[in-house]
Amino acid sequence: MQYSERLASLGLDSLQVRRLKCDLTMCYKIIHSSAIIHSQDFVIHSDYLGTRGHKYKVFKRYSSVNAYKNSFINRICDIWNTLPDIVVEATNVNTFKSRLDSIDLR
């Protein structure tokens, strides 16, 4: 039985999707001050108040160093900015996780 078949029969997500969900949950905790890390030191919030997307968008910093290109915020920034409003504006972590489970991240 192949890996994808075993995951489907057990109703589980792949390791890549589980890691992505954990990264998004940590980003939620940082932005909503649920983590010990201060968001001002870690994330650059976007000042753009356009009509598309949620109000918690973050910028991806430009870097010519590969170590920073693969950092947490650069890895997660594009995916975080494309999440729907209802997911990002959840009132607590458990609500965020349940709403995140309803989205197909593959």
PDB file of N, CA and C in Angstrom:
ATOM      1  N   MET A   1       0.844  -1.169   0.000  1.00  0.00           N
ATOM      2  CA  MET A   1       0.000   0.000   0.000  1.00  0.00           C
ATOM      3  C   MET A   1       0.898   1.245   0.000  1.00  0.00           C
ATOM      4  N   GLN A   2       0.623   2.200  -0.862  1.00  0.00           N
ATOM      5  CA  GLN A   2       1.400   3.422  -0.973  1.00  0.00           C
ATOM      6  C   GLN A   2       1.084   4.386   0.173  1.00  0.00           C
ATOM      7  N   TYR A   3       2.000   5.331   0.385  1.00  0.00           N
ATOM      8  CA  TYR A   3       1.857   6.317   1.453  1.00  0.00           C
ATOM      9  C   TYR A   3       0.557   7.113   1.310  1.00  0.00           C
ATOM     10  N   SER A   4       0.272   7.580   0.111  1.00  0.00           N
ATOM     11  CA  SER A   4      -0.941   8.377  -0.113  1.00  0.00           C
ATOM     12  C   SER A   4      -2.200   7.547   0.120  1.00  0.00           C
ATOM     13  N   GLU A   5      -2.155   6.268  -0.213  1.00  0.00           N
ATOM     14  CA  GLU A   5      -3.309   5.391   0.017  1.00  0.00           C
ATOM     15  C   GLU A   5      -3.525   5.158   1.512  1.00  0.00           C
ATOM     16  N   ARG A   6      -2.427   4.981   2.247  1.00  0.00           N
ATOM     17  CA  ARG A   6      -2.543   4.800   3.699  1.00  0.00           C
ATOM     18  C   ARG A   6      -3.109   6.049   4.368  1.00  0.00           C
ATOM     19  N   LEU A   7      -2.652   7.220   3.941  1.00  0.00           N
ATOM     20  CA  LEU A   7      -3.177   8.465   4.499  1.00  0.00           C
ATOM     21  C   LEU A   7      -4.661   8.617   4.204  1.00  0.00           C
ATOM     22  N   ALA A   8      -5.050   8.286   2.988  1.00  0.00           N
ATOM     23  CA  ALA A   8      -6.464   8.402   2.614  1.00  0.00           C
ATOM     24  C   ALA A   8      -7.324   7.428   3.404  1.00  0.00           C
ATOM     25  N   SER A   9      -6.835   6.206   3.608  1.00  0.00           N
ATOM     26  CA  SER A   9      -7.636   5.223   4.340  1.00  0.00           C
ATOM     27  C   SER A   9      -7.762   5.574   5.823  1.00  0.00           C
ATOM     28  N   LEU A  10      -6.750   6.251   6.374  1.00  0.00           N
ATOM     29  CA  LEU A  10      -6.789   6.658   7.774  1.00  0.00           C
ATOM     30  C   LEU A  10      -7.400   8.046   7.978  1.00  0.00           C
ATOM     31  N   GLY A  11      -7.604   8.772   6.873  1.00  0.00           N
ATOM     32  CA  GLY A  11      -8.179  10.108   6.965  1.00  0.00           C
ATOM     33  C   GLY A  11      -7.208  11.133   7.527  1.00  0.00           C
ATOM     34  N   LEU A  12      -5.911  10.986   7.211  1.00  0.00           N
ATOM     35  CA  LEU A  12      -4.879  11.878   7.722  1.00  0.00           C
ATOM     36  C   LEU A  12      -4.323  12.761   6.621  1.00  0.00           C
ATOM     37  N   ASP A  13      -3.720  13.867   7.019  1.00  0.00           N
ATOM     38  CA  ASP A  13      -3.024  14.742   6.083  1.00  0.00           C
ATOM     39  C   ASP A  13      -1.581  14.284   5.938  1.00  0.00           C
ATOM     40  N   SER A  14      -0.945  14.691   4.854  1.00  0.00           N
ATOM     41  CA  SER A  14       0.460  14.355   4.660  1.00  0.00           C
ATOM     42  C   SER A  14       1.319  15.151   5.632  1.00  0.00           C
ATOM     43  N   LEU A  15       2.564  14.752   5.769  1.00  0.00           N
ATOM     44  CA  LEU A  15       3.489  15.423   6.672  1.00  0.00           C
ATOM     45  C   LEU A  15       3.683  16.880   6.265  1.00  0.00           C
ATOM     46  N   GLN A  16       3.739  17.137   4.976  1.00  0.00           N
ATOM     47  CA  GLN A  16       3.909  18.499   4.472  1.00  0.00           C
ATOM     48  C   GLN A  16       2.734  19.389   4.873  1.00  0.00           C
ATOM     49  N   VAL A  17       1.513  18.884   4.771  1.00  0.00           N
ATOM     50  CA  VAL A  17       0.327  19.657   5.131  1.00  0.00           C
ATOM     51  C   VAL A  17       0.267  19.868   6.645  1.00  0.00           C
ATOM     52  N   ARG A  18       0.642  18.849   7.420  1.00  0.00           N
ATOM     53  CA  ARG A  18       0.646  18.997   8.880  1.00  0.00           C
ATOM     54  C   ARG A  18       1.662  20.043   9.326  1.00  0.00           C
ATOM     55  N   ARG A  19       2.835  20.063   8.693  1.00  0.00           N
ATOM     56  CA  ARG A  19       3.841  21.082   9.017  1.00  0.00           C
ATOM     57  C   ARG A  19       3.341  22.476   8.660  1.00  0.00           C
ATOM     58  N   LEU A  20       2.679  22.586   7.527  1.00  0.00           N
ATOM     59  CA  LEU A  20       2.123  23.859   7.101  1.00  0.00           C
ATOM     60  C   LEU A  20       1.072  24.359   8.089  1.00  0.00           C
ATOM     61  N   LYS A  21       0.213  23.474   8.556  1.00  0.00           N
ATOM     62  CA  LYS A  21      -0.809  23.854   9.537  1.00  0.00           C
ATOM     63  C   LYS A  21      -0.172  24.302  10.851  1.00  0.00           C
ATOM     64  N   CYS A  22       0.892  23.635  11.266  1.00  0.00           N
ATOM     65  CA  CYS A  22       1.593  24.049  12.486  1.00  0.00           C
ATOM     66  C   CYS A  22       2.250  25.414  12.311  1.00  0.00           C
ATOM     67  N   ASP A  23       2.843  25.662  11.145  1.00  0.00           N
ATOM     68  CA  ASP A  23       3.446  26.964  10.873  1.00  0.00           C
ATOM     69  C   ASP A  23       2.395  28.066  10.859  1.00  0.00           C
ATOM     70  N   LEU A  24       1.253  27.810  10.242  1.00  0.00           N
ATOM     71  CA  LEU A  24       0.177  28.803  10.202  1.00  0.00           C
ATOM     72  C   LEU A  24      -0.383  29.068  11.597  1.00  0.00           C
ATOM     73  N   THR A  25      -0.476  28.027  12.408  1.00  0.00           N
ATOM     74  CA  THR A  25      -0.952  28.196  13.781  1.00  0.00           C
ATOM     75  C   THR A  25       0.031  29.037  14.580  1.00  0.00           C
ATOM     76  N   MET A  26       1.329  28.820  14.400  1.00  0.00           N
ATOM     77  CA  MET A  26       2.325  29.635  15.093  1.00  0.00           C
ATOM     78  C   MET A  26       2.261  31.083  14.616  1.00  0.00           C
ATOM     79  N   CYS A  27       2.062  31.295  13.343  1.00  0.00           N
ATOM     80  CA  CYS A  27       1.927  32.651  12.813  1.00  0.00           C
ATOM     81  C   CYS A  27       0.699  33.335  13.420  1.00  0.00           C
ATOM     82  N   TYR A  28      -0.398  32.616  13.558  1.00  0.00           N
ATOM     83  CA  TYR A  28      -1.602  33.161  14.200  1.00  0.00           C
ATOM     84  C   TYR A  28      -1.298  33.566  15.639  1.00  0.00           C
ATOM     85  N   LYS A  29      -0.595  32.704  16.348  1.00  0.00           N
ATOM     86  CA  LYS A  29      -0.260  32.993  17.749  1.00  0.00           C
ATOM     87  C   LYS A  29       0.647  34.216  17.864  1.00  0.00           C
ATOM     88  N   ILE A  30       1.590  34.366  16.953  1.00  0.00           N
ATOM     89  CA  ILE A  30       2.496  35.513  16.995  1.00  0.00           C
ATOM     90  C   ILE A  30       1.743  36.802  16.694  1.00  0.00           C
ATOM     91  N   ILE A  31       0.933  36.796  15.665  1.00  0.00           N
ATOM     92  CA  ILE A  31       0.223  38.012  15.262  1.00  0.00           C
ATOM     93  C   ILE A  31      -0.820  38.423  16.288  1.00  0.00           C
ATOM     94  N   HIS A  32      -1.490  37.455  16.899  1.00  0.00           N
ATOM     95  CA  HIS A  32      -2.540  37.758  17.876  1.00  0.00           C
ATOM     96  C   HIS A  32      -2.018  37.755  19.315  1.00  0.00           C
ATOM     97  N   SER A  33      -0.718  37.827  19.476  1.00  0.00           N
ATOM     98  CA  SER A  33      -0.047  37.945  20.779  1.00  0.00           C
ATOM     99  C   SER A  33      -0.365  36.802  21.734  1.00  0.00           C
ATOM    100  N   SER A  34      -0.556  35.611  21.214  1.00  0.00           N
ATOM    101  CA  SER A  34      -0.747  34.443  22.062  1.00  0.00           C
ATOM    102  C   SER A  34       0.571  33.746  22.363  1.00  0.00           C
ATOM    103  N   ALA A  35       1.598  34.086  21.610  1.00  0.00           N
ATOM    104  CA  ALA A  35       2.922  33.493  21.815  1.00  0.00           C
ATOM    105  C   ALA A  35       3.795  34.475  22.591  1.00  0.00           C
ATOM    106  N   ILE A  36       4.872  33.986  23.125  1.00  0.00           N
ATOM    107  CA  ILE A  36       5.783  34.828  23.894  1.00  0.00           C
ATOM    108  C   ILE A  36       6.562  35.769  22.974  1.00  0.00           C
ATOM    109  N   ILE A  37       6.668  35.420  21.702  1.00  0.00           N
ATOM    110  CA  ILE A  37       7.391  36.240  20.729  1.00  0.00           C
ATOM    111  C   ILE A  37       6.564  37.480  20.421  1.00  0.00           C
ATOM    112  N   HIS A  38       7.195  38.642  20.423  1.00  0.00           N
ATOM    113  CA  HIS A  38       6.495  39.880  20.096  1.00  0.00           C
ATOM    114  C   HIS A  38       6.420  40.033  18.585  1.00  0.00           C
ATOM    115  N   SER A  39       5.244  40.310  18.062  1.00  0.00           N
ATOM    116  CA  SER A  39       5.061  40.384  16.614  1.00  0.00           C
ATOM    117  C   SER A  39       5.810  41.559  15.995  1.00  0.00           C
ATOM    118  N   GLN A  40       6.053  42.632  16.749  1.00  0.00           N
ATOM    119  CA  GLN A  40       6.766  43.785  16.204  1.00  0.00           C
ATOM    120  C   GLN A  40       8.212  43.439  15.882  1.00  0.00           C
ATOM    121  N   ASP A  41       8.796  42.533  16.634  1.00  0.00           N
ATOM    122  CA  ASP A  41      10.178  42.133  16.405  1.00  0.00           C
ATOM    123  C   ASP A  41      10.311  41.091  15.308  1.00  0.00           C
ATOM    124  N   PHE A  42       9.223  40.443  14.977  1.00  0.00           N
ATOM    125  CA  PHE A  42       9.294  39.270  14.114  1.00  0.00           C
ATOM    126  C   PHE A  42       8.619  39.468  12.763  1.00  0.00           C
ATOM    127  N   VAL A  43       7.515  40.194  12.744  1.00  0.00           N
ATOM    128  CA  VAL A  43       6.682  40.316  11.551  1.00  0.00           C
ATOM    129  C   VAL A  43       6.537  41.779  11.178  1.00  0.00           C
ATOM    130  N   ILE A  44       6.597  42.072   9.888  1.00  0.00           N
ATOM    131  CA  ILE A  44       6.320  43.419   9.404  1.00  0.00           C
ATOM    132  C   ILE A  44       4.893  43.419   8.874  1.00  0.00           C
ATOM    133  N   HIS A  45       4.020  44.139   9.550  1.00  0.00           N
ATOM    134  CA  HIS A  45       2.627  44.201   9.124  1.00  0.00           C
ATOM    135  C   HIS A  45       2.492  45.135   7.925  1.00  0.00           C
ATOM    136  N   SER A  46       1.586  44.788   7.048  1.00  0.00           N
ATOM    137  CA  SER A  46       1.320  45.600   5.876  1.00  0.00           C
ATOM    138  C   SER A  46       0.398  46.753   6.256  1.00  0.00           C
ATOM    139  N   ASP A  47       0.699  47.945   5.768  1.00  0.00           N
ATOM    140  CA  ASP A  47      -0.158  49.102   6.010  1.00  0.00           C
ATOM    141  C   ASP A  47      -1.219  49.257   4.931  1.00  0.00           C
ATOM    142  N   TYR A  48      -1.189  48.403   3.945  1.00  0.00           N
ATOM    143  CA  TYR A  48      -2.141  48.494   2.845  1.00  0.00           C
ATOM    144  C   TYR A  48      -3.528  48.115   3.331  1.00  0.00           C
ATOM    145  N   LEU A  49      -4.473  48.991   3.173  1.00  0.00           N
ATOM    146  CA  LEU A  49      -5.845  48.756   3.625  1.00  0.00           C
ATOM    147  C   LEU A  49      -6.785  48.641   2.431  1.00  0.00           C
ATOM    148  N   GLY A  50      -6.386  47.912   1.427  1.00  0.00           N
ATOM    149  CA  GLY A  50      -7.201  47.729   0.244  1.00  0.00           C
ATOM    150  C   GLY A  50      -8.432  46.890   0.522  1.00  0.00           C
ATOM    151  N   THR A  51      -9.180  46.614  -0.494  1.00  0.00           N
ATOM    152  CA  THR A  51     -10.433  45.894  -0.322  1.00  0.00           C
ATOM    153  C   THR A  51     -10.269  44.392  -0.355  1.00  0.00           C
ATOM    154  N   ARG A  52      -9.092  43.905  -0.682  1.00  0.00           N
ATOM    155  CA  ARG A  52      -8.903  42.456  -0.794  1.00  0.00           C
ATOM    156  C   ARG A  52      -8.100  41.917   0.364  1.00  0.00           C
ATOM    157  N   GLY A  53      -8.524  40.773   0.848  1.00  0.00           N
ATOM    158  CA  GLY A  53      -7.774  40.103   1.891  1.00  0.00           C
ATOM    159  C   GLY A  53      -8.118  40.596   3.281  1.00  0.00           C
ATOM    160  N   HIS A  54      -7.406  40.069   4.244  1.00  0.00           N
ATOM    161  CA  HIS A  54      -7.650  40.390   5.645  1.00  0.00           C
ATOM    162  C   HIS A  54      -6.710  41.492   6.113  1.00  0.00           C
ATOM    163  N   LYS A  55      -6.940  41.987   7.315  1.00  0.00           N
ATOM    164  CA  LYS A  55      -6.159  43.109   7.837  1.00  0.00           C
ATOM    165  C   LYS A  55      -4.862  42.677   8.510  1.00  0.00           C
ATOM    166  N   TYR A  56      -4.573  41.396   8.551  1.00  0.00           N
ATOM    167  CA  TYR A  56      -3.367  40.886   9.205  1.00  0.00           C
ATOM    168  C   TYR A  56      -2.302  40.460   8.201  1.00  0.00           C
ATOM    169  N   LYS A  57      -2.279  41.079   7.040  1.00  0.00           N
ATOM    170  CA  LYS A  57      -1.284  40.724   6.029  1.00  0.00           C
ATOM    171  C   LYS A  57       0.115  41.111   6.505  1.00  0.00           C
ATOM    172  N   VAL A  58       1.097  40.328   6.083  1.00  0.00           N
ATOM    173  CA  VAL A  58       2.488  40.587   6.442  1.00  0.00           C
ATOM    174  C   VAL A  58       3.324  40.727   5.176  1.00  0.00           C
ATOM    175  N   PHE A  59       4.425  41.462   5.304  1.00  0.00           N
ATOM    176  CA  PHE A  59       5.357  41.646   4.199  1.00  0.00           C
ATOM    177  C   PHE A  59       6.423  40.577   4.233  1.00  0.00           C
ATOM    178  N   LYS A  60       6.897  40.245   3.066  1.00  0.00           N
ATOM    179  CA  LYS A  60       8.057  39.368   2.942  1.00  0.00           C
ATOM    180  C   LYS A  60       9.258  40.269   2.700  1.00  0.00           C
ATOM    181  N   ARG A  61      10.254  40.152   3.533  1.00  0.00           N
ATOM    182  CA  ARG A  61      11.448  40.977   3.394  1.00  0.00           C
ATOM    183  C   ARG A  61      12.317  40.466   2.262  1.00  0.00           C
ATOM    184  N   TYR A  62      12.923  41.402   1.553  1.00  0.00           N
ATOM    185  CA  TYR A  62      13.869  41.030   0.507  1.00  0.00           C
ATOM    186  C   TYR A  62      15.182  40.613   1.151  1.00  0.00           C
ATOM    187  N   SER A  63      15.766  39.559   0.621  1.00  0.00           N
ATOM    188  CA  SER A  63      17.046  39.105   1.142  1.00  0.00           C
ATOM    189  C   SER A  63      17.848  38.439   0.036  1.00  0.00           C
ATOM    190  N   SER A  64      19.125  38.693   0.059  1.00  0.00           N
ATOM    191  CA  SER A  64      20.010  38.026  -0.891  1.00  0.00           C
ATOM    192  C   SER A  64      20.734  36.852  -0.232  1.00  0.00           C
ATOM    193  N   VAL A  65      20.456  36.609   1.026  1.00  0.00           N
ATOM    194  CA  VAL A  65      21.083  35.525   1.778  1.00  0.00           C
ATOM    195  C   VAL A  65      20.114  34.348   1.832  1.00  0.00           C
ATOM    196  N   ASN A  66      20.591  33.177   1.463  1.00  0.00           N
ATOM    197  CA  ASN A  66      19.727  32.004   1.428  1.00  0.00           C
ATOM    198  C   ASN A  66      19.194  31.611   2.797  1.00  0.00           C
ATOM    199  N   ALA A  67      19.957  31.878   3.843  1.00  0.00           N
ATOM    200  CA  ALA A  67      19.506  31.522   5.186  1.00  0.00           C
ATOM    201  C   ALA A  67      18.229  32.265   5.549  1.00  0.00           C
ATOM    202  N   TYR A  68      18.115  33.529   5.166  1.00  0.00           N
ATOM    203  CA  TYR A  68      16.910  34.287   5.484  1.00  0.00           C
ATOM    204  C   TYR A  68      15.774  33.963   4.522  1.00  0.00           C
ATOM    205  N   LYS A  69      16.107  33.600   3.290  1.00  0.00           N
ATOM    206  CA  LYS A  69      15.071  33.244   2.315  1.00  0.00           C
ATOM    207  C   LYS A  69      14.277  32.030   2.776  1.00  0.00           C
ATOM    208  N   ASN A  70      14.897  31.160   3.550  1.00  0.00           N
ATOM    209  CA  ASN A  70      14.237  29.959   4.041  1.00  0.00           C
ATOM    210  C   ASN A  70      13.764  30.101   5.483  1.00  0.00           C
ATOM    211  N   SER A  71      13.699  31.314   5.991  1.00  0.00           N
ATOM    212  CA  SER A  71      13.273  31.529   7.369  1.00  0.00           C
ATOM    213  C   SER A  71      11.763  31.336   7.495  1.00  0.00           C
ATOM    214  N   PHE A  72      11.299  31.298   8.721  1.00  0.00           N
ATOM    215  CA  PHE A  72       9.895  31.023   9.008  1.00  0.00           C
ATOM    216  C   PHE A  72       8.958  32.006   8.322  1.00  0.00           C
ATOM    217  N   ILE A  73       9.183  33.289   8.488  1.00  0.00           N
ATOM    218  CA  ILE A  73       8.239  34.270   7.972  1.00  0.00           C
ATOM    219  C   ILE A  73       8.244  34.312   6.447  1.00  0.00           C
ATOM    220  N   ASN A  74       9.384  34.143   5.814  1.00  0.00           N
ATOM    221  CA  ASN A  74       9.414  34.106   4.354  1.00  0.00           C
ATOM    222  C   ASN A  74       8.782  32.833   3.805  1.00  0.00           C
ATOM    223  N   ARG A  75       8.875  31.765   4.546  1.00  0.00           N
ATOM    224  CA  ARG A  75       8.289  30.498   4.127  1.00  0.00           C
ATOM    225  C   ARG A  75       6.763  30.540   4.210  1.00  0.00           C
ATOM    226  N   ILE A  76       6.219  31.255   5.170  1.00  0.00           N
ATOM    227  CA  ILE A  76       4.803  31.198   5.465  1.00  0.00           C
ATOM    228  C   ILE A  76       4.023  32.417   4.964  1.00  0.00           C
ATOM    229  N   CYS A  77       4.722  33.478   4.593  1.00  0.00           N
ATOM    230  CA  CYS A  77       4.107  34.759   4.265  1.00  0.00           C
ATOM    231  C   CYS A  77       3.062  34.668   3.157  1.00  0.00           C
ATOM    232  N   ASP A  78       3.396  34.085   2.030  1.00  0.00           N
ATOM    233  CA  ASP A  78       2.463  34.019   0.899  1.00  0.00           C
ATOM    234  C   ASP A  78       1.208  33.225   1.239  1.00  0.00           C
ATOM    235  N   ILE A  79       1.374  32.141   1.946  1.00  0.00           N
ATOM    236  CA  ILE A  79       0.231  31.305   2.309  1.00  0.00           C
ATOM    237  C   ILE A  79      -0.649  32.030   3.327  1.00  0.00           C
ATOM    238  N   TRP A  80      -0.042  32.680   4.309  1.00  0.00           N
ATOM    239  CA  TRP A  80      -0.787  33.429   5.326  1.00  0.00           C
ATOM    240  C   TRP A  80      -1.629  34.533   4.684  1.00  0.00           C
ATOM    241  N   ASN A  81      -1.041  35.259   3.725  1.00  0.00           N
ATOM    242  CA  ASN A  81      -1.744  36.374   3.101  1.00  0.00           C
ATOM    243  C   ASN A  81      -2.909  35.927   2.219  1.00  0.00           C
ATOM    244  N   THR A  82      -2.922  34.675   1.792  1.00  0.00           N
ATOM    245  CA  THR A  82      -4.019  34.195   0.953  1.00  0.00           C
ATOM    246  C   THR A  82      -5.138  33.511   1.739  1.00  0.00           C
ATOM    247  N   LEU A  83      -4.973  33.373   3.052  1.00  0.00           N
ATOM    248  CA  LEU A  83      -6.029  32.752   3.859  1.00  0.00           C
ATOM    249  C   LEU A  83      -7.264  33.647   3.883  1.00  0.00           C
ATOM    250  N   PRO A  84      -8.456  33.055   3.944  1.00  0.00           N
ATOM    251  CA  PRO A  84      -9.686  33.857   4.006  1.00  0.00           C
ATOM    252  C   PRO A  84      -9.811  34.619   5.326  1.00  0.00           C
ATOM    253  N   ASP A  85     -10.607  35.684   5.308  1.00  0.00           N
ATOM    254  CA  ASP A  85     -10.826  36.514   6.502  1.00  0.00           C
ATOM    255  C   ASP A  85     -11.352  35.706   7.671  1.00  0.00           C
ATOM    256  N   ILE A  86     -12.276  34.834   7.400  1.00  0.00           N
ATOM    257  CA  ILE A  86     -12.943  34.093   8.483  1.00  0.00           C
ATOM    258  C   ILE A  86     -11.962  33.208   9.249  1.00  0.00           C
ATOM    259  N   VAL A  87     -10.918  32.751   8.599  1.00  0.00           N
ATOM    260  CA  VAL A  87      -9.921  31.909   9.263  1.00  0.00           C
ATOM    261  C   VAL A  87      -8.973  32.765  10.099  1.00  0.00           C
ATOM    262  N   VAL A  88      -8.438  33.806   9.511  1.00  0.00           N
ATOM    263  CA  VAL A  88      -7.427  34.637  10.165  1.00  0.00           C
ATOM    264  C   VAL A  88      -8.014  35.439  11.325  1.00  0.00           C
ATOM    265  N   GLU A  89      -9.256  35.828  11.225  1.00  0.00           N
ATOM    266  CA  GLU A  89      -9.876  36.651  12.261  1.00  0.00           C
ATOM    267  C   GLU A  89     -10.616  35.817  13.303  1.00  0.00           C
ATOM    268  N   ALA A  90     -10.201  34.586  13.487  1.00  0.00           N
ATOM    269  CA  ALA A  90     -10.803  33.715  14.509  1.00  0.00           C
ATOM    270  C   ALA A  90     -10.533  34.292  15.891  1.00  0.00           C
ATOM    271  N   THR A  91     -11.426  34.006  16.822  1.00  0.00           N
ATOM    272  CA  THR A  91     -11.311  34.600  18.160  1.00  0.00           C
ATOM    273  C   THR A  91     -10.290  33.902  19.045  1.00  0.00           C
ATOM    274  N   ASN A  92     -10.009  32.629  18.798  1.00  0.00           N
ATOM    275  CA  ASN A  92      -9.003  31.921  19.586  1.00  0.00           C
ATOM    276  C   ASN A  92      -8.312  30.869  18.728  1.00  0.00           C
ATOM    277  N   VAL A  93      -7.311  30.229  19.292  1.00  0.00           N
ATOM    278  CA  VAL A  93      -6.483  29.284  18.544  1.00  0.00           C
ATOM    279  C   VAL A  93      -7.283  28.058  18.107  1.00  0.00           C
ATOM    280  N   ASN A  94      -8.134  27.553  18.970  1.00  0.00           N
ATOM    281  CA  ASN A  94      -8.906  26.359  18.619  1.00  0.00           C
ATOM    282  C   ASN A  94      -9.878  26.634  17.474  1.00  0.00           C
ATOM    283  N   THR A  95     -10.486  27.800  17.463  1.00  0.00           N
ATOM    284  CA  THR A  95     -11.358  28.174  16.354  1.00  0.00           C
ATOM    285  C   THR A  95     -10.548  28.307  15.076  1.00  0.00           C
ATOM    286  N   PHE A  96      -9.350  28.908  15.182  1.00  0.00           N
ATOM    287  CA  PHE A  96      -8.475  29.031  14.019  1.00  0.00           C
ATOM    288  C   PHE A  96      -8.128  27.659  13.450  1.00  0.00           C
ATOM    289  N   LYS A  97      -7.768  26.720  14.318  1.00  0.00           N
ATOM    290  CA  LYS A  97      -7.401  25.379  13.864  1.00  0.00           C
ATOM    291  C   LYS A  97      -8.569  24.666  13.190  1.00  0.00           C
ATOM    292  N   SER A  98      -9.747  24.787  13.748  1.00  0.00           N
ATOM    293  CA  SER A  98     -10.904  24.114  13.147  1.00  0.00           C
ATOM    294  C   SER A  98     -11.265  24.738  11.804  1.00  0.00           C
ATOM    295  N   ARG A  99     -11.150  26.055  11.690  1.00  0.00           N
ATOM    296  CA  ARG A  99     -11.427  26.706  10.404  1.00  0.00           C
ATOM    297  C   ARG A  99     -10.336  26.393   9.394  1.00  0.00           C
ATOM    298  N   LEU A 100      -9.107  26.255   9.858  1.00  0.00           N
ATOM    299  CA  LEU A 100      -7.993  25.911   8.974  1.00  0.00           C
ATOM    300  C   LEU A 100      -8.172  24.483   8.436  1.00  0.00           C
ATOM    301  N   ASP A 101      -8.724  23.592   9.247  1.00  0.00           N
ATOM    302  CA  ASP A 101      -8.969  22.215   8.796  1.00  0.00           C
ATOM    303  C   ASP A 101      -9.997  22.158   7.679  1.00  0.00           C
ATOM    304  N   SER A 102     -10.877  23.144   7.612  1.00  0.00           N
ATOM    305  CA  SER A 102     -11.909  23.135   6.575  1.00  0.00           C
ATOM    306  C   SER A 102     -11.381  23.599   5.218  1.00  0.00           C
ATOM    307  N   ILE A 103     -10.156  24.115   5.190  1.00  0.00           N
ATOM    308  CA  ILE A 103      -9.544  24.585   3.940  1.00  0.00           C
ATOM    309  C   ILE A 103      -8.621  23.507   3.390  1.00  0.00           C
ATOM    310  N   ASP A 104      -8.651  23.340   2.073  1.00  0.00           N
ATOM    311  CA  ASP A 104      -7.752  22.375   1.428  1.00  0.00           C
ATOM    312  C   ASP A 104      -6.409  23.059   1.174  1.00  0.00           C
ATOM    313  N   LEU A 105      -5.379  22.668   1.876  1.00  0.00           N
ATOM    314  CA  LEU A 105      -4.047  23.270   1.755  1.00  0.00           C
ATOM    315  C   LEU A 105      -3.119  22.477   0.832  1.00  0.00           C
ATOM    316  N   ARG A 106      -3.622  21.473   0.212  1.00  0.00           N
ATOM    317  CA  ARG A 106      -2.767  20.693  -0.688  1.00  0.00           C
ATOM    318  C   ARG A 106      -2.597  21.468  -1.934  1.00  0.00           C
TER     319      ARG A 106
END
